[in-house]
Amino acid sequence: MNQMDEHYWISKLPWRKKNRAESKSAQIRFEPQLTITREDGWKYFELLLVNRSCWQVWVEDASVVLADLDADWQAVVPTGQARHQILQNVGPNETLGVRLAKAVYDAAGRPQGPYSCLVLPNVRYHVLDEWCSVQLETCRVEMAALRLIELHSARWYDKKMKRIIRSTRSYNE
């Protein structure tokens, strides 16, 4: 066996194959994240849509689901969820910031005092002829009306939900 044949067969070994994404869109580095931005002495609750790929991404919307809502004096009945239409392109290697405070405020029932809740955000987008959705990390938000007070990661909640989902799946099988 010559050296050329040997390299061919080595490249076919299963542990030598590169990990490749199943779909084209899985190869796109589109990374939405929740953050606090500061501007003129104010803090804003923002969703940063970070596109680190060389492809344009169409962002349809962001939805937020609230859990563990602690609020008093709500002006309307809280729905616990909101959908914020974005309808914008994020170009290659660009970042787009979208403020989410109003969506959270409305979903919480427009509380008239301080309130806190867990926020479970999800972003729908379109890239390379595929519709995709990404679930962001859960965070704990403390606000007063539209004003952000604090934003904390809630990794413990994500771990708890994964355990519940796993146990539910094994129970149903």
N, C-alpha and C. Protein backbone atom coordinates (compact mmCIF):
# COMPACT_ATOMS: atom_id res chain seq x y z
N MET A 1 0.85 -1.17 0.00
CA MET A 1 0.00 0.00 0.00
C MET A 1 0.90 1.23 0.00
N ASN A 2 0.66 2.13 -0.94
CA ASN A 2 1.50 3.32 -1.00
C ASN A 2 1.00 4.37 0.00
N GLN A 3 1.79 5.45 0.15
CA GLN A 3 1.49 6.48 1.14
C GLN A 3 0.18 7.21 0.84
N MET A 4 -0.15 7.40 -0.44
CA MET A 4 -1.38 8.08 -0.84
C MET A 4 -2.60 7.29 -0.38
N ASP A 5 -2.60 5.97 -0.59
CA ASP A 5 -3.71 5.12 -0.16
C ASP A 5 -3.86 5.13 1.36
N GLU A 6 -2.74 5.12 2.06
CA GLU A 6 -2.77 5.12 3.52
C GLU A 6 -3.43 6.39 4.06
N HIS A 7 -3.11 7.57 3.52
CA HIS A 7 -3.72 8.83 3.94
C HIS A 7 -5.22 8.84 3.64
N TYR A 8 -5.60 8.26 2.51
CA TYR A 8 -7.01 8.20 2.15
C TYR A 8 -7.79 7.40 3.20
N TRP A 9 -7.31 6.22 3.56
CA TRP A 9 -8.02 5.37 4.51
C TRP A 9 -8.01 5.95 5.93
N ILE A 10 -6.94 6.61 6.31
CA ILE A 10 -6.88 7.24 7.63
C ILE A 10 -7.93 8.35 7.72
N SER A 11 -8.10 9.10 6.64
CA SER A 11 -9.08 10.19 6.66
C SER A 11 -10.52 9.67 6.76
N LYS A 12 -10.76 8.40 6.42
CA LYS A 12 -12.10 7.82 6.49
C LYS A 12 -12.43 7.24 7.87
N LEU A 13 -11.46 7.15 8.76
CA LEU A 13 -11.73 6.62 10.09
C LEU A 13 -12.73 7.51 10.81
N PRO A 14 -13.69 6.91 11.53
CA PRO A 14 -14.78 7.70 12.13
C PRO A 14 -14.28 8.74 13.13
N TRP A 15 -13.25 8.45 13.90
CA TRP A 15 -12.77 9.42 14.89
C TRP A 15 -11.92 10.52 14.26
N ARG A 16 -11.61 10.44 12.99
CA ARG A 16 -10.86 11.47 12.30
C ARG A 16 -11.76 12.48 11.59
N LYS A 17 -13.06 12.20 11.52
CA LYS A 17 -13.98 13.11 10.84
C LYS A 17 -14.17 14.36 11.67
N LYS A 18 -14.25 15.48 11.01
CA LYS A 18 -14.49 16.74 11.71
C LYS A 18 -15.94 16.84 12.10
N ASN A 19 -16.17 17.48 13.23
CA ASN A 19 -17.55 17.72 13.67
C ASN A 19 -18.13 18.82 12.81
N ARG A 20 -19.07 18.49 12.00
CA ARG A 20 -19.71 19.47 11.12
C ARG A 20 -21.17 19.58 11.49
N ALA A 21 -21.67 20.77 11.38
CA ALA A 21 -23.07 21.01 11.70
C ALA A 21 -23.95 20.33 10.65
N GLU A 22 -25.11 19.89 11.09
CA GLU A 22 -26.04 19.19 10.21
C GLU A 22 -26.64 20.10 9.14
N SER A 23 -26.89 21.37 9.51
CA SER A 23 -27.50 22.29 8.55
C SER A 23 -26.58 23.49 8.34
N LYS A 24 -26.84 24.20 7.27
CA LYS A 24 -26.05 25.39 6.98
C LYS A 24 -26.22 26.44 8.07
N SER A 25 -27.46 26.61 8.55
CA SER A 25 -27.71 27.65 9.55
C SER A 25 -27.01 27.35 10.87
N ALA A 26 -26.73 26.09 11.16
CA ALA A 26 -26.02 25.75 12.39
C ALA A 26 -24.57 26.21 12.33
N GLN A 27 -24.06 26.50 11.14
CA GLN A 27 -22.70 26.97 10.98
C GLN A 27 -22.60 28.49 11.14
N ILE A 28 -23.72 29.17 11.23
CA ILE A 28 -23.75 30.62 11.39
C ILE A 28 -23.51 30.96 12.85
N ARG A 29 -22.68 31.96 13.09
CA ARG A 29 -22.41 32.41 14.45
C ARG A 29 -23.28 33.63 14.76
N PHE A 30 -24.53 33.35 15.07
CA PHE A 30 -25.48 34.39 15.46
C PHE A 30 -25.74 34.20 16.94
N GLU A 31 -25.36 35.18 17.76
CA GLU A 31 -25.35 35.01 19.21
C GLU A 31 -26.10 36.13 19.92
N PRO A 32 -27.41 36.02 20.06
CA PRO A 32 -28.16 37.01 20.82
C PRO A 32 -27.82 36.90 22.31
N GLN A 33 -27.84 38.04 23.00
CA GLN A 33 -27.57 38.03 24.44
C GLN A 33 -28.25 39.21 25.11
N LEU A 34 -28.66 38.99 26.36
CA LEU A 34 -29.28 40.05 27.15
C LEU A 34 -28.19 40.81 27.89
N THR A 35 -28.37 42.12 27.98
CA THR A 35 -27.34 42.93 28.63
C THR A 35 -27.93 44.22 29.17
N ILE A 36 -27.16 44.91 29.97
CA ILE A 36 -27.48 46.25 30.45
C ILE A 36 -26.63 47.22 29.66
N THR A 37 -27.24 48.23 29.08
CA THR A 37 -26.47 49.30 28.45
C THR A 37 -26.71 50.58 29.25
N ARG A 38 -25.69 51.38 29.32
CA ARG A 38 -25.78 52.64 30.05
C ARG A 38 -25.62 53.80 29.07
N GLU A 39 -26.52 54.76 29.21
CA GLU A 39 -26.51 55.91 28.31
C GLU A 39 -27.07 57.12 29.05
N ASP A 40 -26.31 58.20 29.14
CA ASP A 40 -26.73 59.44 29.80
C ASP A 40 -27.23 59.20 31.22
N GLY A 41 -26.54 58.34 31.96
CA GLY A 41 -26.92 58.08 33.35
C GLY A 41 -28.06 57.10 33.54
N TRP A 42 -28.63 56.57 32.46
CA TRP A 42 -29.74 55.62 32.54
C TRP A 42 -29.23 54.22 32.21
N LYS A 43 -29.89 53.22 32.79
CA LYS A 43 -29.60 51.82 32.46
C LYS A 43 -30.75 51.28 31.62
N TYR A 44 -30.41 50.58 30.54
CA TYR A 44 -31.42 50.01 29.65
C TYR A 44 -31.27 48.50 29.56
N PHE A 45 -32.41 47.82 29.48
CA PHE A 45 -32.46 46.38 29.31
C PHE A 45 -32.48 46.09 27.83
N GLU A 46 -31.38 45.55 27.30
CA GLU A 46 -31.26 45.37 25.85
C GLU A 46 -30.98 43.92 25.46
N LEU A 47 -31.48 43.60 24.29
CA LEU A 47 -31.16 42.36 23.62
C LEU A 47 -30.16 42.72 22.53
N LEU A 48 -28.94 42.21 22.64
CA LEU A 48 -27.93 42.45 21.60
C LEU A 48 -27.96 41.29 20.62
N LEU A 49 -28.14 41.59 19.36
CA LEU A 49 -28.16 40.59 18.29
C LEU A 49 -26.81 40.64 17.60
N VAL A 50 -25.93 39.74 17.98
CA VAL A 50 -24.54 39.74 17.52
C VAL A 50 -24.40 38.73 16.39
N ASN A 51 -24.03 39.22 15.20
CA ASN A 51 -23.82 38.36 14.04
C ASN A 51 -22.32 38.30 13.76
N ARG A 52 -21.69 37.17 14.08
CA ARG A 52 -20.24 37.02 13.90
C ARG A 52 -19.93 36.15 12.68
N SER A 53 -20.81 36.16 11.72
CA SER A 53 -20.60 35.37 10.52
C SER A 53 -20.46 36.30 9.32
N CYS A 54 -20.26 35.72 8.17
CA CYS A 54 -20.15 36.53 6.96
C CYS A 54 -21.47 36.53 6.17
N TRP A 55 -22.56 36.08 6.80
CA TRP A 55 -23.87 36.05 6.17
C TRP A 55 -24.80 37.03 6.86
N GLN A 56 -25.70 37.58 6.10
CA GLN A 56 -26.72 38.47 6.65
C GLN A 56 -27.81 37.64 7.32
N VAL A 57 -28.31 38.11 8.47
CA VAL A 57 -29.34 37.40 9.23
C VAL A 57 -30.57 38.30 9.34
N TRP A 58 -31.73 37.77 8.98
CA TRP A 58 -32.99 38.49 9.13
C TRP A 58 -33.58 38.10 10.48
N VAL A 59 -33.80 39.08 11.36
CA VAL A 59 -34.36 38.81 12.67
C VAL A 59 -35.84 39.16 12.65
N GLU A 60 -36.67 38.18 12.90
CA GLU A 60 -38.12 38.35 12.85
C GLU A 60 -38.65 38.96 14.15
N ASP A 61 -38.41 38.28 15.27
CA ASP A 61 -38.94 38.78 16.54
C ASP A 61 -38.22 38.18 17.73
N ALA A 62 -38.49 38.77 18.88
CA ALA A 62 -38.02 38.24 20.15
C ALA A 62 -39.25 38.06 21.03
N SER A 63 -39.36 36.92 21.64
CA SER A 63 -40.47 36.70 22.56
C SER A 63 -39.89 36.51 23.95
N VAL A 64 -40.63 37.01 24.94
CA VAL A 64 -40.22 36.83 26.33
C VAL A 64 -41.36 36.19 27.10
N VAL A 65 -41.01 35.24 27.91
CA VAL A 65 -41.95 34.60 28.81
C VAL A 65 -41.49 34.91 30.22
N LEU A 66 -42.41 35.36 31.07
CA LEU A 66 -42.08 35.70 32.44
C LEU A 66 -42.50 34.56 33.37
N ALA A 67 -41.67 34.32 34.36
CA ALA A 67 -41.98 33.32 35.39
C ALA A 67 -41.64 33.92 36.74
N ASP A 68 -42.28 33.43 37.77
CA ASP A 68 -42.00 33.86 39.14
C ASP A 68 -42.14 35.38 39.29
N LEU A 69 -43.23 35.92 38.76
CA LEU A 69 -43.48 37.36 38.79
C LEU A 69 -43.85 37.80 40.20
N ASP A 70 -43.14 38.80 40.70
CA ASP A 70 -43.42 39.39 42.00
C ASP A 70 -43.70 40.87 41.78
N ALA A 71 -44.99 41.24 41.73
CA ALA A 71 -45.38 42.62 41.44
C ALA A 71 -46.65 42.99 42.20
N ASP A 72 -46.77 44.27 42.51
CA ASP A 72 -47.97 44.80 43.16
C ASP A 72 -48.53 45.91 42.29
N TRP A 73 -49.78 46.20 42.47
CA TRP A 73 -50.45 47.33 41.82
C TRP A 73 -50.31 47.31 40.30
N GLN A 74 -50.74 46.23 39.68
CA GLN A 74 -50.70 46.15 38.23
C GLN A 74 -51.90 46.87 37.63
N ALA A 75 -51.64 47.60 36.54
CA ALA A 75 -52.70 48.35 35.87
C ALA A 75 -53.61 47.44 35.04
N VAL A 76 -53.07 46.34 34.54
CA VAL A 76 -53.84 45.37 33.76
C VAL A 76 -53.47 43.96 34.22
N VAL A 77 -54.24 42.99 33.79
CA VAL A 77 -53.95 41.59 34.13
C VAL A 77 -52.67 41.17 33.41
N PRO A 78 -51.68 40.64 34.15
CA PRO A 78 -50.43 40.24 33.49
C PRO A 78 -50.62 39.02 32.58
N THR A 79 -50.08 39.11 31.38
CA THR A 79 -50.16 37.99 30.44
C THR A 79 -49.02 37.02 30.64
N GLY A 80 -47.91 37.50 31.17
CA GLY A 80 -46.75 36.64 31.39
C GLY A 80 -45.93 36.36 30.15
N GLN A 81 -46.32 36.96 29.03
CA GLN A 81 -45.53 36.78 27.80
C GLN A 81 -45.75 37.96 26.86
N ALA A 82 -44.74 38.19 26.03
CA ALA A 82 -44.83 39.28 25.06
C ALA A 82 -43.98 38.93 23.85
N ARG A 83 -44.36 39.49 22.72
CA ARG A 83 -43.63 39.31 21.46
C ARG A 83 -43.23 40.68 20.95
N HIS A 84 -41.94 40.88 20.74
CA HIS A 84 -41.43 42.16 20.27
C HIS A 84 -40.95 41.98 18.83
N GLN A 85 -41.68 42.58 17.88
CA GLN A 85 -41.28 42.47 16.47
C GLN A 85 -40.02 43.28 16.23
N ILE A 86 -39.06 42.68 15.53
CA ILE A 86 -37.80 43.37 15.21
C ILE A 86 -37.75 43.68 13.72
N LEU A 87 -37.97 42.68 12.87
CA LEU A 87 -38.06 42.85 11.42
C LEU A 87 -36.91 43.67 10.84
N GLN A 88 -35.69 43.25 11.14
CA GLN A 88 -34.50 43.93 10.63
C GLN A 88 -33.41 42.93 10.28
N ASN A 89 -32.57 43.34 9.33
CA ASN A 89 -31.40 42.56 8.98
C ASN A 89 -30.25 42.95 9.89
N VAL A 90 -29.45 41.96 10.25
CA VAL A 90 -28.20 42.20 10.95
C VAL A 90 -27.11 41.75 9.98
N GLY A 91 -26.34 42.71 9.51
CA GLY A 91 -25.32 42.42 8.51
C GLY A 91 -24.17 41.60 9.06
N PRO A 92 -23.31 41.13 8.17
CA PRO A 92 -22.14 40.36 8.60
C PRO A 92 -21.28 41.16 9.57
N ASN A 93 -20.88 40.51 10.64
CA ASN A 93 -20.03 41.12 11.67
C ASN A 93 -20.59 42.42 12.23
N GLU A 94 -21.90 42.48 12.38
CA GLU A 94 -22.57 43.65 12.96
C GLU A 94 -23.35 43.24 14.20
N THR A 95 -23.71 44.24 14.99
CA THR A 95 -24.51 44.03 16.20
C THR A 95 -25.66 45.01 16.20
N LEU A 96 -26.85 44.53 16.53
CA LEU A 96 -28.03 45.37 16.62
C LEU A 96 -28.56 45.28 18.05
N GLY A 97 -28.82 46.42 18.68
CA GLY A 97 -29.37 46.45 20.02
C GLY A 97 -30.87 46.75 19.98
N VAL A 98 -31.65 45.98 20.75
CA VAL A 98 -33.10 46.15 20.82
C VAL A 98 -33.49 46.25 22.29
N ARG A 99 -34.21 47.28 22.65
CA ARG A 99 -34.62 47.46 24.05
C ARG A 99 -35.87 46.64 24.33
N LEU A 100 -35.83 45.89 25.44
CA LEU A 100 -36.92 44.98 25.78
C LEU A 100 -37.73 45.40 27.01
N ALA A 101 -37.41 46.53 27.63
CA ALA A 101 -38.07 46.92 28.87
C ALA A 101 -39.58 47.04 28.71
N LYS A 102 -40.05 47.62 27.62
CA LYS A 102 -41.50 47.79 27.42
C LYS A 102 -42.20 46.44 27.27
N ALA A 103 -41.58 45.50 26.58
CA ALA A 103 -42.18 44.17 26.43
C ALA A 103 -42.32 43.49 27.78
N VAL A 104 -41.30 43.57 28.62
CA VAL A 104 -41.35 42.96 29.95
C VAL A 104 -42.39 43.68 30.81
N TYR A 105 -42.40 45.01 30.76
CA TYR A 105 -43.34 45.82 31.54
C TYR A 105 -44.79 45.48 31.19
N ASP A 106 -45.09 45.38 29.90
CA ASP A 106 -46.44 45.03 29.46
C ASP A 106 -46.82 43.60 29.86
N ALA A 107 -45.90 42.67 29.71
CA ALA A 107 -46.17 41.27 30.07
C ALA A 107 -46.39 41.11 31.58
N ALA A 108 -45.77 41.99 32.37
CA ALA A 108 -45.92 41.94 33.83
C ALA A 108 -47.20 42.63 34.30
N GLY A 109 -47.97 43.21 33.40
CA GLY A 109 -49.22 43.87 33.76
C GLY A 109 -49.06 45.34 34.10
N ARG A 110 -48.01 45.95 33.63
CA ARG A 110 -47.71 47.37 33.86
C ARG A 110 -47.74 47.73 35.36
N PRO A 111 -46.88 47.08 36.15
CA PRO A 111 -46.87 47.35 37.59
C PRO A 111 -46.51 48.81 37.89
N GLN A 112 -47.13 49.34 38.96
CA GLN A 112 -46.92 50.74 39.32
C GLN A 112 -45.80 50.91 40.35
N GLY A 113 -45.21 49.84 40.80
CA GLY A 113 -44.09 49.90 41.74
C GLY A 113 -42.98 48.99 41.28
N PRO A 114 -42.03 48.72 42.14
CA PRO A 114 -40.95 47.80 41.77
C PRO A 114 -41.48 46.38 41.57
N TYR A 115 -40.85 45.63 40.69
CA TYR A 115 -41.24 44.25 40.45
C TYR A 115 -40.03 43.45 39.98
N SER A 116 -40.13 42.14 40.09
CA SER A 116 -39.05 41.26 39.64
C SER A 116 -39.66 40.01 39.02
N CYS A 117 -38.90 39.39 38.16
CA CYS A 117 -39.36 38.16 37.51
C CYS A 117 -38.20 37.48 36.80
N LEU A 118 -38.42 36.22 36.46
CA LEU A 118 -37.50 35.51 35.58
C LEU A 118 -37.93 35.79 34.14
N VAL A 119 -36.98 36.06 33.27
CA VAL A 119 -37.27 36.32 31.86
C VAL A 119 -36.64 35.20 31.03
N LEU A 120 -37.48 34.54 30.23
CA LEU A 120 -37.03 33.46 29.35
C LEU A 120 -37.17 33.95 27.91
N PRO A 121 -36.11 34.50 27.33
CA PRO A 121 -36.20 35.06 25.97
C PRO A 121 -35.92 34.04 24.87
N ASN A 122 -36.53 34.29 23.72
CA ASN A 122 -36.36 33.44 22.54
C ASN A 122 -36.33 34.36 21.32
N VAL A 123 -35.41 34.11 20.38
CA VAL A 123 -35.29 34.95 19.18
C VAL A 123 -35.50 34.07 17.96
N ARG A 124 -36.38 34.53 17.05
CA ARG A 124 -36.62 33.85 15.77
C ARG A 124 -35.91 34.62 14.68
N TYR A 125 -35.19 33.89 13.81
CA TYR A 125 -34.46 34.55 12.72
C TYR A 125 -34.41 33.64 11.50
N HIS A 126 -34.03 34.24 10.38
CA HIS A 126 -33.97 33.54 9.10
C HIS A 126 -32.58 33.74 8.51
N VAL A 127 -31.94 32.65 8.12
CA VAL A 127 -30.61 32.73 7.52
C VAL A 127 -30.43 31.55 6.58
N LEU A 128 -29.83 31.81 5.43
CA LEU A 128 -29.55 30.77 4.43
C LEU A 128 -30.77 29.91 4.13
N ASP A 129 -31.91 30.55 3.90
CA ASP A 129 -33.16 29.87 3.54
C ASP A 129 -33.70 28.93 4.62
N GLU A 130 -33.35 29.17 5.87
CA GLU A 130 -33.85 28.36 6.98
C GLU A 130 -34.36 29.27 8.09
N TRP A 131 -35.50 28.90 8.68
CA TRP A 131 -36.00 29.58 9.87
C TRP A 131 -35.39 28.91 11.08
N CYS A 132 -34.89 29.73 12.01
CA CYS A 132 -34.23 29.21 13.20
C CYS A 132 -34.77 29.92 14.43
N SER A 133 -34.54 29.31 15.56
CA SER A 133 -34.95 29.89 16.83
C SER A 133 -33.86 29.59 17.85
N VAL A 134 -33.55 30.56 18.69
CA VAL A 134 -32.55 30.35 19.73
C VAL A 134 -33.13 30.77 21.07
N GLN A 135 -33.02 29.87 22.06
CA GLN A 135 -33.47 30.14 23.42
C GLN A 135 -32.28 30.70 24.18
N LEU A 136 -32.42 31.92 24.71
CA LEU A 136 -31.35 32.55 25.46
C LEU A 136 -31.37 32.09 26.91
N GLU A 137 -30.29 32.38 27.59
CA GLU A 137 -30.17 32.04 29.00
C GLU A 137 -31.21 32.81 29.81
N THR A 138 -31.81 32.14 30.77
CA THR A 138 -32.79 32.76 31.65
C THR A 138 -32.10 33.77 32.55
N CYS A 139 -32.78 34.88 32.80
CA CYS A 139 -32.21 35.88 33.71
C CYS A 139 -33.28 36.38 34.67
N ARG A 140 -32.83 36.91 35.78
CA ARG A 140 -33.73 37.51 36.76
C ARG A 140 -33.63 39.02 36.60
N VAL A 141 -34.78 39.67 36.42
CA VAL A 141 -34.83 41.11 36.19
C VAL A 141 -35.55 41.79 37.34
N GLU A 142 -35.00 42.89 37.79
CA GLU A 142 -35.66 43.75 38.77
C GLU A 142 -35.86 45.10 38.09
N MET A 143 -37.11 45.58 38.10
CA MET A 143 -37.43 46.83 37.41
C MET A 143 -38.41 47.65 38.24
N ALA A 144 -38.52 48.91 37.88
CA ALA A 144 -39.55 49.80 38.40
C ALA A 144 -40.12 50.49 37.18
N ALA A 145 -41.35 50.13 36.81
CA ALA A 145 -41.98 50.58 35.57
C ALA A 145 -41.07 50.18 34.40
N LEU A 146 -40.63 51.13 33.58
CA LEU A 146 -39.76 50.82 32.44
C LEU A 146 -38.27 50.91 32.79
N ARG A 147 -37.97 51.26 34.02
CA ARG A 147 -36.58 51.47 34.43
C ARG A 147 -35.98 50.17 34.98
N LEU A 148 -34.84 49.80 34.44
CA LEU A 148 -34.13 48.61 34.89
C LEU A 148 -33.37 48.92 36.17
N ILE A 149 -33.51 48.04 37.16
CA ILE A 149 -32.73 48.19 38.39
C ILE A 149 -31.57 47.21 38.38
N GLU A 150 -31.86 45.92 38.17
CA GLU A 150 -30.81 44.90 38.15
C GLU A 150 -31.13 43.81 37.14
N LEU A 151 -30.08 43.15 36.66
CA LEU A 151 -30.18 42.01 35.74
C LEU A 151 -29.20 40.96 36.24
N HIS A 152 -29.70 39.77 36.54
CA HIS A 152 -28.87 38.69 37.05
C HIS A 152 -29.06 37.44 36.21
N SER A 153 -27.99 36.68 36.07
CA SER A 153 -28.11 35.38 35.40
C SER A 153 -28.89 34.43 36.30
N ALA A 154 -29.63 33.53 35.71
CA ALA A 154 -30.39 32.53 36.47
C ALA A 154 -30.08 31.14 35.95
N ARG A 155 -28.80 30.81 35.90
CA ARG A 155 -28.39 29.49 35.40
C ARG A 155 -29.02 28.36 36.20
N TRP A 156 -29.22 28.58 37.49
CA TRP A 156 -29.83 27.56 38.34
C TRP A 156 -31.22 27.19 37.82
N TYR A 157 -31.95 28.17 37.29
CA TYR A 157 -33.30 27.91 36.78
C TYR A 157 -33.22 27.06 35.52
N ASP A 158 -32.27 27.38 34.62
CA ASP A 158 -32.11 26.59 33.39
C ASP A 158 -31.78 25.14 33.73
N LYS A 159 -30.89 24.92 34.70
CA LYS A 159 -30.53 23.55 35.10
C LYS A 159 -31.74 22.82 35.67
N LYS A 160 -32.51 23.51 36.50
CA LYS A 160 -33.71 22.92 37.10
C LYS A 160 -34.70 22.50 36.01
N MET A 161 -34.94 23.36 35.02
CA MET A 161 -35.89 23.07 33.95
C MET A 161 -35.42 21.90 33.09
N LYS A 162 -34.12 21.80 32.83
CA LYS A 162 -33.59 20.67 32.06
C LYS A 162 -33.83 19.36 32.80
N ARG A 163 -33.64 19.37 34.13
CA ARG A 163 -33.90 18.15 34.92
C ARG A 163 -35.37 17.78 34.85
N ILE A 164 -36.25 18.77 34.95
CA ILE A 164 -37.69 18.50 34.90
C ILE A 164 -38.08 17.93 33.54
N ILE A 165 -37.56 18.51 32.47
CA ILE A 165 -37.88 18.03 31.12
C ILE A 165 -37.37 16.60 30.94
N ARG A 166 -36.14 16.32 31.40
CA ARG A 166 -35.60 14.97 31.29
C ARG A 166 -36.44 13.96 32.06
N SER A 167 -36.85 14.33 33.29
CA SER A 167 -37.64 13.39 34.09
C SER A 167 -39.02 13.19 33.48
N THR A 168 -39.59 14.23 32.88
CA THR A 168 -40.90 14.13 32.23
C THR A 168 -40.80 13.20 31.02
N ARG A 169 -39.73 13.35 30.24
CA ARG A 169 -39.55 12.48 29.07
C ARG A 169 -39.42 11.03 29.49
N SER A 170 -38.62 10.75 30.53
CA SER A 170 -38.42 9.36 30.95
C SER A 170 -39.71 8.81 31.55
N TYR A 171 -40.52 9.64 32.20
CA TYR A 171 -41.79 9.20 32.76
C TYR A 171 -42.79 8.85 31.65
N ASN A 172 -42.79 9.63 30.57
CA ASN A 172 -43.73 9.42 29.48
C ASN A 172 -43.35 8.23 28.60
N GLU A 173 -42.12 7.79 28.65
CA GLU A 173 -41.69 6.69 27.76
C GLU A 173 -42.00 5.34 28.32
